[in-house]
Structure formats: C-alpha cells, structure tokens
Amino acid sequence: MDFIAIIVLLGIVQGLFLGSLLILIKSQNQRANRIFGVLYICFSISISHFFLDRTGLYYEFPHLFRVSFPVLFLFGPLFLFYVRVLTDRTLPLKAIDLLHGLPFALSVLAFLPFFFLPAEEKLAQMRVYQDTTGVHMGLILGLIQVLHVFAYILAVRHELRKYDRRIKDTKSSLEHINLRWLWIGTINFIIVFAMILVMIVLQAAGLDLLPIYNVAIPISVSIIIYYMGYLGLRQPTIFSPAEELGTSARKYEKSALTPEKGRELATRLKGFMEQERPFLDSELTLPKLAELLQVPPHHLSQIINESLGQNFFDFVNAYRVEEARRLFQDPEKSAYTVLAVAEEAGFNSKTAFNSAFKKVTGQTPSEYRSKSLLLQTSPN
C-alpha cells in the first residue's frame, strides 16, 4: 500500500467516523447534523473507489465495484437540505423532496443488473472498464454527475443569499451569526467538482489525465473531510428568522395593517428612534424593538420594508452611523478611538462599523474623522 492509498484510507475512516458522530451526537442542530453526517459517509463511500482501485482490492472483492458510483448523485441534494435545515429549523422536509433522490435511484437501477452478476463476470467487466470504451463511459457518467452537483451548488448559493436577506430583516448585528462555514462548504464543492470537470474535458480531448485524476480527486476530498469535519461538529446553532417572527412575517399580503395605520406607525417609529435611541443597544432585534413599540413584529417589519424601503439591519445601522458622525464632530470626544466611537454608537465590532459607515457616507470612519478634525481646527 503506497502513501497515496494510505492518505485516502485515512480520509475514508475519518469521514465514516465524523459522519457517525454527526448522526449520533445530540445538539440544537441535530436534524441538520444528521443530514451532514450522511453526506460525510457518502464522501467516504465515493473515494473508496479510488482506494480499492489503487490497491487492487477490487480483484479480491469484485462485488464492491461500482457500488460507489450512484452515491455522487446524493452530494447535491444532501448539501442543499443541510443548508436549508441549518438556516431554518422550522422548515419541514416534504414528500416531494424525495424527488431530489430520483437521479440516485435511477443510477442504482441502471447498475442493478451488474450488481447481481457473479464475481467472475464482474471481474471481466472490470477489465473492460479499464479499456478505451470503459473510460469513455466513465467520463460520460462523471460529466453527468458533475453537472448535477453544479446545479445544486447554484441552489445552495441561492439559499444562502435568501438567508442573508432574512436575517437582515430581523437583526441589527450579524457578528454572532456565522455563515462562513456554509460558504466554505460551497467553495470546496466548487473547487473539487471544477477540477473533475476540467479533467473530464481534457481527457475527452485526448490527454491522458487518469493517473492525475486518480490522485488529485481523492486527496482533495480527503483534505476536505479532515478540514471540514471538525468544523461541522463545532458549528454553532444558526439563527432562524422564522422562529422569532413566525411564518406570517414572510408575507405581507394578508396583513391587517391599513395604509393609514402604516403611516401612523412609521411616524411613531421615527420619533421613537430619535428620542429613545434604542439603536444604541448593539443586540437590538426586530422583535425587541417591536416589544418596545408595543406593535406586532410583522407589522414593524412591513413598515420598515415597504414604507421606508429598507431592511431592519440597514434601518438601524443608519441611525448608528448618524450617531457616530455626531460623536466625531463633538470636540469633547476627540480623544475617542474609532472603536470607542463605534461601540458608543451601538456597533459591536469595528469591521461592522467600517462597512456600515462607508455604505452610508461613502467614506471610512477614519477619513470622515480626519476631515471633521480639520474643519474643527481650521480658522473661521
């Protein structure tokens, strides 16, 4: 057994181990973790093909040949369901979702006659698989699987963007809401399957890249298993907007809020923000503000989104930026650091402050402060 085979074997064992942990460990993310655990086990099964082929174990266990092939059609659906359930624990999985497993089921059915063959015939087909015809068939199947995964990557990207919009309708600070894990997972999917796609195209063009393919792909997947596995176990519970607002917040067409009441609430909201300054609370949320105003959260959300044309995140942070500008122009606050101004204005991180400030003013806080100090010290 060579070094590459050992690395791939360790990746297989690691994936099976972490997948089992994710399935068995109880947590607030349990439903999502179980889906991700199954995905990790699928990773291990998929790269087992490379290990068995490289070590020649297929010839000792021919019944394992092609068992891993249909599994690739589960990658996309499982990752999509993981993202959906992780970002919205109230989301039910419906019977119609089983249609996502149709390509996997069809692939299993296509290979079913082969699976029931005796060992001698499987060994004969394994030799055919290694000739030109078999390689071309493998490339076609690989291309279909890659395109299938890419379609789901686009769907995952869409889900992440929807989630980003939803949390900004209810949260004024996003530092404790970690989406980085999901984006890393998506990027890793793109990198690995882009590599597969490039190699398939080059192989079809006449370049013999199978030796490189049989090393690069299982090693890449093994690295992902090592790196992503423990991150999956450590993944904190992600905020689910639907749990705070309820499903009624998602649609305003059934709202009982009349235009007259809407205008009244918008005026009241602006007055409350200016006089009571709740934006100074760095953990302010839409439900918390609604409670202070004594209005239903979905009515407040509707006013901010439709009447004021903003999401909650931008609405609150605009007030914080104005407060920061006032502090920068106050001579008594001239000794304050940029971070101190950010915290006093209601921001809980310098990064969030810089981003929001530049979005509103077109300048960084440091640039704005320098100009303010220059105006204060210049002669009249």
Protein backbone atom coordinates (compact mmCIF):
# COMPACT_ATOMS: atom_id res chain seq x y z
CA MET A 1 0.00 0.00 0.00
CA ASP A 2 1.58 3.30 -1.12
CA PHE A 3 1.47 6.72 0.53
CA ILE A 4 -1.47 7.99 -1.59
CA ALA A 5 -3.55 4.94 -0.72
CA ILE A 6 -2.82 5.47 2.99
CA ILE A 7 -3.94 9.13 2.80
CA VAL A 8 -7.16 8.14 1.03
CA LEU A 9 -7.80 5.33 3.52
CA LEU A 10 -7.39 7.77 6.40
CA GLY A 11 -9.86 10.10 4.66
CA ILE A 12 -12.35 7.24 4.33
CA VAL A 13 -12.03 6.29 8.01
CA GLN A 14 -12.20 9.92 9.10
CA GLY A 15 -15.33 10.52 7.04
CA LEU A 16 -17.06 7.44 8.43
CA PHE A 17 -16.08 8.38 11.98
CA LEU A 18 -17.15 12.02 11.75
CA GLY A 19 -20.30 11.13 9.84
CA SER A 20 -21.29 8.73 12.60
CA LEU A 21 -20.59 11.35 15.27
CA LEU A 22 -22.68 13.95 13.47
CA ILE A 23 -25.57 11.48 13.23
CA LEU A 24 -25.38 10.32 16.86
CA ILE A 25 -24.45 13.44 18.84
CA LYS A 26 -27.42 15.37 20.22
CA SER A 27 -27.45 19.14 19.70
CA GLN A 28 -29.73 22.01 18.70
CA ASN A 29 -28.56 21.40 15.13
CA GLN A 30 -29.33 17.68 15.36
CA ARG A 31 -31.53 17.41 12.28
CA ALA A 32 -29.02 19.33 10.15
CA ASN A 33 -26.11 17.41 11.65
CA ARG A 34 -27.69 14.10 10.73
CA ILE A 35 -28.02 15.18 7.11
CA PHE A 36 -24.43 16.38 7.11
CA GLY A 37 -23.33 13.11 8.72
CA VAL A 38 -24.93 11.13 5.90
CA LEU A 39 -23.17 13.43 3.42
CA TYR A 40 -19.82 12.68 5.07
CA ILE A 41 -20.45 8.95 4.87
CA CYS A 42 -21.24 9.44 1.18
CA PHE A 43 -17.91 11.24 0.79
CA SER A 44 -16.14 8.22 2.27
CA ILE A 45 -18.02 5.78 0.04
CA SER A 46 -17.23 7.84 -3.06
CA ILE A 47 -13.45 7.91 -2.52
CA SER A 48 -13.40 4.24 -1.54
CA HIS A 49 -13.45 3.56 -5.31
CA PHE A 50 -10.04 5.18 -5.69
CA PHE A 51 -8.62 3.25 -2.72
CA LEU A 52 -9.93 -0.12 -3.90
CA ASP A 53 -8.72 0.53 -7.44
CA ARG A 54 -5.27 1.76 -6.39
CA THR A 55 -4.64 -1.16 -4.01
CA GLY A 56 -6.07 -3.79 -6.35
CA LEU A 57 -8.60 -4.84 -3.73
CA TYR A 58 -11.35 -4.76 -6.36
CA TYR A 59 -9.97 -8.06 -7.66
CA GLU A 60 -10.35 -9.61 -4.21
CA PHE A 61 -13.76 -8.01 -3.59
CA PRO A 62 -15.33 -7.57 -7.06
CA HIS A 63 -18.82 -7.14 -5.59
CA LEU A 64 -17.72 -3.69 -4.37
CA PHE A 65 -17.05 -2.49 -7.93
CA ARG A 66 -19.35 0.39 -8.99
CA VAL A 67 -21.12 0.45 -5.61
CA SER A 68 -19.80 3.97 -5.00
CA PHE A 69 -20.82 5.39 -8.40
CA PRO A 70 -24.51 6.24 -7.71
CA VAL A 71 -23.57 7.91 -4.40
CA LEU A 72 -22.32 11.05 -6.17
CA PHE A 73 -25.93 11.86 -7.07
CA LEU A 74 -26.61 12.32 -3.33
CA PHE A 75 -23.97 15.03 -2.79
CA GLY A 76 -26.02 17.93 -4.16
CA PRO A 77 -29.38 17.10 -2.54
CA LEU A 78 -27.83 16.35 0.86
CA PHE A 79 -25.82 19.58 0.90
CA LEU A 80 -28.89 21.59 -0.16
CA PHE A 81 -31.05 20.00 2.55
CA TYR A 82 -28.30 20.60 5.10
CA VAL A 83 -28.20 24.31 4.28
CA ARG A 84 -31.99 24.62 4.30
CA VAL A 85 -32.45 22.86 7.64
CA LEU A 86 -29.48 24.57 9.28
CA THR A 87 -30.71 28.05 8.36
CA ASP A 88 -34.36 27.34 9.18
CA ARG A 89 -35.01 24.65 11.78
CA THR A 90 -38.78 25.15 11.34
CA LEU A 91 -38.59 24.04 7.70
CA PRO A 92 -40.30 20.66 7.19
CA LEU A 93 -38.96 18.11 4.73
CA LYS A 94 -41.88 17.15 2.50
CA ALA A 95 -42.65 14.04 0.48
CA ILE A 96 -41.99 15.96 -2.74
CA ASP A 97 -38.39 16.43 -1.59
CA LEU A 98 -37.88 12.73 -2.30
CA LEU A 99 -37.78 13.67 -5.99
CA HIS A 100 -34.28 15.01 -5.35
CA GLY A 101 -33.24 11.40 -4.89
CA LEU A 102 -34.55 10.37 -8.31
CA PRO A 103 -31.17 10.59 -10.14
CA PHE A 104 -29.63 8.41 -7.41
CA ALA A 105 -32.48 5.89 -7.69
CA LEU A 106 -32.22 5.78 -11.49
CA SER A 107 -28.47 5.32 -11.25
CA VAL A 108 -28.93 2.39 -8.85
CA LEU A 109 -31.49 0.84 -11.20
CA ALA A 110 -29.11 1.25 -14.15
CA PHE A 111 -26.37 -0.59 -12.26
CA LEU A 112 -28.71 -3.20 -10.75
CA PRO A 113 -28.11 -5.86 -13.44
CA PHE A 114 -24.37 -5.50 -12.85
CA PHE A 115 -24.73 -5.75 -9.07
CA PHE A 116 -26.41 -9.17 -9.40
CA LEU A 117 -23.72 -10.62 -11.67
CA PRO A 118 -21.46 -13.38 -10.33
CA ALA A 119 -17.93 -12.41 -9.31
CA GLU A 120 -16.32 -13.87 -12.46
CA GLU A 121 -18.43 -11.71 -14.80
CA LYS A 122 -17.80 -8.62 -12.68
CA LEU A 123 -14.04 -9.23 -12.97
CA ALA A 124 -14.41 -9.46 -16.73
CA GLN A 125 -16.34 -6.17 -16.85
CA MET A 126 -13.73 -4.54 -14.64
CA ARG A 127 -11.12 -5.29 -17.30
CA VAL A 128 -13.41 -3.80 -19.98
CA TYR A 129 -13.89 -0.71 -17.80
CA GLN A 130 -10.15 -0.10 -17.96
CA ASP A 131 -10.03 -0.06 -21.78
CA THR A 132 -10.96 2.88 -24.04
CA THR A 133 -14.68 2.10 -24.16
CA GLY A 134 -14.94 1.81 -20.41
CA VAL A 135 -13.01 5.01 -19.87
CA HIS A 136 -15.34 6.91 -22.22
CA MET A 137 -18.40 5.56 -20.41
CA GLY A 138 -16.86 6.61 -17.11
CA LEU A 139 -16.23 10.12 -18.46
CA ILE A 140 -19.84 10.47 -19.63
CA LEU A 141 -21.15 9.33 -16.25
CA GLY A 142 -18.70 11.65 -14.49
CA LEU A 143 -19.82 14.61 -16.61
CA ILE A 144 -23.48 13.98 -15.77
CA GLN A 145 -22.65 13.76 -12.07
CA VAL A 146 -20.60 16.97 -12.13
CA LEU A 147 -23.34 18.94 -13.90
CA HIS A 148 -25.85 17.55 -11.40
CA VAL A 149 -23.73 18.78 -8.47
CA PHE A 150 -23.18 22.21 -10.05
CA ALA A 151 -26.95 22.65 -10.38
CA TYR A 152 -27.25 22.08 -6.64
CA ILE A 153 -24.36 24.42 -5.89
CA LEU A 154 -26.36 27.18 -7.59
CA ALA A 155 -29.38 26.23 -5.48
CA VAL A 156 -27.27 26.36 -2.29
CA ARG A 157 -25.92 29.77 -3.27
CA HIS A 158 -29.50 30.96 -3.75
CA GLU A 159 -30.48 29.63 -0.30
CA LEU A 160 -27.55 31.41 1.36
CA ARG A 161 -28.48 34.70 -0.26
CA LYS A 162 -32.10 34.28 0.83
CA TYR A 163 -30.95 33.61 4.37
CA ASP A 164 -28.74 36.69 4.31
CA ARG A 165 -31.75 38.80 3.32
CA ARG A 166 -33.94 37.22 6.01
CA ILE A 167 -31.56 37.83 8.88
CA LYS A 168 -31.13 41.46 7.84
CA ASP A 169 -34.88 41.87 8.24
CA THR A 170 -34.66 40.96 11.92
CA LYS A 171 -31.11 41.59 13.17
CA SER A 172 -29.11 44.80 13.52
CA SER A 173 -25.81 43.00 14.21
CA LEU A 174 -24.58 39.92 12.37
CA GLU A 175 -21.26 39.21 14.08
CA HIS A 176 -22.60 36.22 16.02
CA ILE A 177 -24.41 34.74 13.02
CA ASN A 178 -21.84 32.57 11.30
CA LEU A 179 -22.41 31.94 7.59
CA ARG A 180 -18.71 31.46 6.86
CA TRP A 181 -18.98 27.70 7.38
CA LEU A 182 -21.63 27.37 4.69
CA TRP A 183 -19.72 29.49 2.19
CA ILE A 184 -16.55 27.43 2.83
CA GLY A 185 -18.52 24.26 2.14
CA THR A 186 -19.91 25.70 -1.09
CA ILE A 187 -16.49 26.89 -2.27
CA ASN A 188 -14.97 23.47 -1.54
CA PHE A 189 -17.69 21.81 -3.60
CA ILE A 190 -16.99 24.19 -6.47
CA ILE A 191 -13.22 23.63 -6.38
CA VAL A 192 -13.37 19.83 -6.32
CA PHE A 193 -16.04 19.45 -8.97
CA ALA A 194 -14.48 22.13 -11.16
CA MET A 195 -11.29 20.07 -11.06
CA ILE A 196 -13.26 16.99 -12.06
CA LEU A 197 -14.97 18.87 -14.90
CA VAL A 198 -11.68 20.25 -16.27
CA MET A 199 -10.05 16.82 -16.16
CA ILE A 200 -13.04 15.18 -17.86
CA VAL A 201 -12.93 17.74 -20.67
CA LEU A 202 -9.17 17.39 -21.12
CA GLN A 203 -9.43 13.60 -21.01
CA ALA A 204 -12.13 13.69 -23.70
CA ALA A 205 -9.82 15.93 -25.77
CA GLY A 206 -7.20 13.18 -25.81
CA LEU A 207 -4.98 14.00 -22.84
CA ASP A 208 -4.41 11.02 -20.56
CA LEU A 209 -5.06 12.56 -17.15
CA LEU A 210 -6.42 9.48 -15.40
CA PRO A 211 -3.26 8.99 -13.29
CA ILE A 212 -3.51 12.63 -12.11
CA TYR A 213 -7.28 12.37 -11.69
CA ASN A 214 -6.99 9.24 -9.56
CA VAL A 215 -4.63 11.05 -7.19
CA ALA A 216 -5.88 14.66 -7.16
CA ILE A 217 -9.58 13.96 -6.57
CA PRO A 218 -9.40 11.50 -3.66
CA ILE A 219 -6.66 13.57 -1.97
CA SER A 220 -8.76 16.75 -2.35
CA VAL A 221 -11.84 15.07 -0.90
CA SER A 222 -9.76 13.62 1.94
CA ILE A 223 -8.43 17.08 2.80
CA ILE A 224 -11.99 18.44 2.82
CA ILE A 225 -13.03 15.63 5.15
CA TYR A 226 -10.16 16.42 7.54
CA TYR A 227 -10.72 20.16 7.49
CA MET A 228 -14.49 20.39 7.36
CA GLY A 229 -15.34 17.53 9.66
CA TYR A 230 -14.48 19.08 12.98
CA LEU A 231 -15.88 22.42 11.86
CA GLY A 232 -19.17 20.61 11.31
CA LEU A 233 -19.07 19.21 14.83
CA ARG A 234 -18.28 22.66 16.26
CA GLN A 235 -20.82 24.55 14.14
CA PRO A 236 -22.91 26.78 16.44
CA THR A 237 -26.67 26.99 16.21
CA ILE A 238 -27.53 29.38 13.41
CA PHE A 239 -30.25 31.96 13.95
CA SER A 240 -33.51 31.05 12.25
CA PRO A 241 -35.65 34.13 11.44
CA ALA A 242 -38.84 32.11 11.14
CA GLU A 243 -38.54 31.01 14.76
CA GLU A 244 -38.66 34.60 16.03
CA LEU A 245 -41.20 36.08 13.64
CA GLY A 246 -43.37 33.16 12.64
CA THR A 247 -44.45 32.41 9.09
CA SER A 248 -46.75 35.44 8.97
CA ALA A 249 -43.71 37.68 8.70
CA ARG A 250 -42.81 36.16 5.37
CA LYS A 251 -45.83 37.51 3.53
CA TYR A 252 -47.49 40.86 3.89
CA GLU A 253 -50.39 40.32 1.52
CA LYS A 254 -52.54 39.00 4.39
CA SER A 255 -51.54 41.82 6.71
CA ALA A 256 -54.28 43.69 8.59
CA LEU A 257 -52.16 46.86 8.60
CA THR A 258 -54.08 49.60 6.75
CA PRO A 259 -52.24 52.40 4.87
CA GLU A 260 -53.40 54.93 7.48
CA LYS A 261 -52.15 52.82 10.37
CA GLY A 262 -48.95 52.21 8.43
CA ARG A 263 -48.21 55.92 8.08
CA GLU A 264 -49.00 56.45 11.75
CA LEU A 265 -46.67 53.62 12.77
CA ALA A 266 -43.87 54.89 10.50
CA THR A 267 -44.07 58.37 12.09
CA ARG A 268 -44.16 56.85 15.55
CA LEU A 269 -41.20 54.61 14.75
CA LYS A 270 -39.02 57.50 13.54
CA GLY A 271 -39.89 59.57 16.61
CA PHE A 272 -39.09 56.67 18.91
CA MET A 273 -35.72 56.06 17.24
CA GLU A 274 -34.75 59.73 17.54
CA GLN A 275 -35.96 60.27 21.11
CA GLU A 276 -35.37 56.92 22.85
CA ARG A 277 -32.37 55.90 20.71
CA PRO A 278 -32.82 52.11 21.02
CA PHE A 279 -30.18 51.66 18.29
CA LEU A 280 -27.51 52.17 20.98
CA ASP A 281 -28.27 48.60 22.07
CA SER A 282 -25.82 46.57 19.98
CA GLU A 283 -28.05 43.48 20.27
CA LEU A 284 -31.23 45.19 19.12
CA THR A 285 -33.53 42.91 17.11
CA LEU A 286 -36.79 43.47 15.33
CA PRO A 287 -38.83 41.56 17.96
CA LYS A 288 -37.16 43.57 20.74
CA LEU A 289 -37.92 46.88 19.00
CA ALA A 290 -41.49 45.74 18.32
CA GLU A 291 -41.90 44.97 22.00
CA LEU A 292 -40.67 48.45 22.93
CA LEU A 293 -43.13 49.99 20.49
CA GLN A 294 -45.86 47.53 21.53
CA VAL A 295 -46.67 46.53 17.96
CA PRO A 296 -46.68 43.10 16.24
CA PRO A 297 -43.21 42.25 14.81
CA HIS A 298 -44.59 41.52 11.34
CA HIS A 299 -46.27 44.97 11.21
CA LEU A 300 -42.98 46.62 12.15
CA SER A 301 -41.16 44.56 9.53
CA GLN A 302 -43.73 45.55 6.92
CA ILE A 303 -43.34 49.26 7.71
CA ILE A 304 -39.54 49.16 7.52
CA ASN A 305 -39.50 47.08 4.33
CA GLU A 306 -42.35 48.68 2.39
CA SER A 307 -42.91 52.19 3.75
CA LEU A 308 -39.28 53.04 4.46
CA GLY A 309 -37.78 50.86 1.70
CA GLN A 310 -35.10 49.31 3.93
CA ASN A 311 -34.37 46.13 5.78
CA PHE A 312 -34.10 46.21 9.56
CA PHE A 313 -30.30 45.87 9.50
CA ASP A 314 -29.76 48.94 7.29
CA PHE A 315 -32.52 50.91 9.03
CA VAL A 316 -30.95 50.59 12.49
CA ASN A 317 -27.36 50.97 11.33
CA ALA A 318 -28.20 54.22 9.53
CA TYR A 319 -29.12 55.69 12.93
CA ARG A 320 -25.91 54.32 14.42
CA VAL A 321 -23.86 55.92 11.65
CA GLU A 322 -25.53 59.28 12.27
CA GLU A 323 -24.72 58.91 15.97
CA ALA A 324 -21.10 58.14 15.10
CA ARG A 325 -20.92 61.21 12.86
CA ARG A 326 -22.20 63.33 15.73
CA LEU A 327 -19.56 61.87 18.04
CA PHE A 328 -16.79 62.54 15.52
CA GLN A 329 -17.86 66.18 15.31
CA ASP A 330 -18.02 66.59 19.10
CA PRO A 331 -14.79 68.27 20.36
CA GLU A 332 -15.25 66.59 23.74
CA LYS A 333 -14.99 63.20 22.07
CA SER A 334 -11.86 64.00 20.06
CA ALA A 335 -9.74 61.66 22.21
CA TYR A 336 -12.02 58.70 21.45
CA THR A 337 -10.61 55.95 19.26
CA VAL A 338 -12.59 54.84 16.22
CA LEU A 339 -13.51 51.64 18.08
CA ALA A 340 -14.72 53.62 21.09
CA VAL A 341 -16.95 55.73 18.85
CA ALA A 342 -18.27 52.57 17.17
CA GLU A 343 -19.17 50.98 20.49
CA GLU A 344 -20.79 54.12 21.84
CA ALA A 345 -22.89 54.40 18.67
CA GLY A 346 -24.20 50.84 19.09
CA PHE A 347 -21.86 48.79 16.90
CA ASN A 348 -20.27 45.71 18.45
CA SER A 349 -17.31 45.40 16.06
CA LYS A 350 -15.00 47.71 14.15
CA THR A 351 -15.49 45.71 10.95
CA ALA A 352 -19.27 46.14 11.04
CA PHE A 353 -18.83 49.84 11.82
CA ASN A 354 -16.46 50.42 8.90
CA SER A 355 -18.75 48.61 6.49
CA ALA A 356 -21.95 50.41 7.58
CA PHE A 357 -20.26 53.82 7.78
CA LYS A 358 -18.81 53.62 4.28
CA LYS A 359 -22.12 52.39 2.89
CA VAL A 360 -23.94 55.44 4.28
CA THR A 361 -21.30 58.18 3.86
CA GLY A 362 -19.05 56.88 1.10
CA GLN A 363 -16.06 57.34 3.43
CA THR A 364 -14.32 55.23 6.01
CA PRO A 365 -14.71 56.38 9.64
CA SER A 366 -11.03 57.38 9.74
CA GLU A 367 -11.37 59.51 6.60
CA TYR A 368 -14.50 61.18 7.93
CA ARG A 369 -12.90 61.81 11.30
CA SER A 370 -9.80 63.37 9.73
CA LYS A 371 -11.93 65.79 7.73
CA SER A 372 -14.03 66.62 10.80
CA LEU A 373 -10.91 67.37 12.85
CA LEU A 374 -9.54 69.51 10.04
CA LEU A 375 -12.74 71.57 9.92
CA GLN A 376 -12.71 71.97 13.71
CA THR A 377 -9.13 73.26 13.77
CA SER A 378 -9.31 75.47 10.67
CA PRO A 379 -9.73 79.24 11.29
CA ASN A 380 -13.18 80.73 10.66
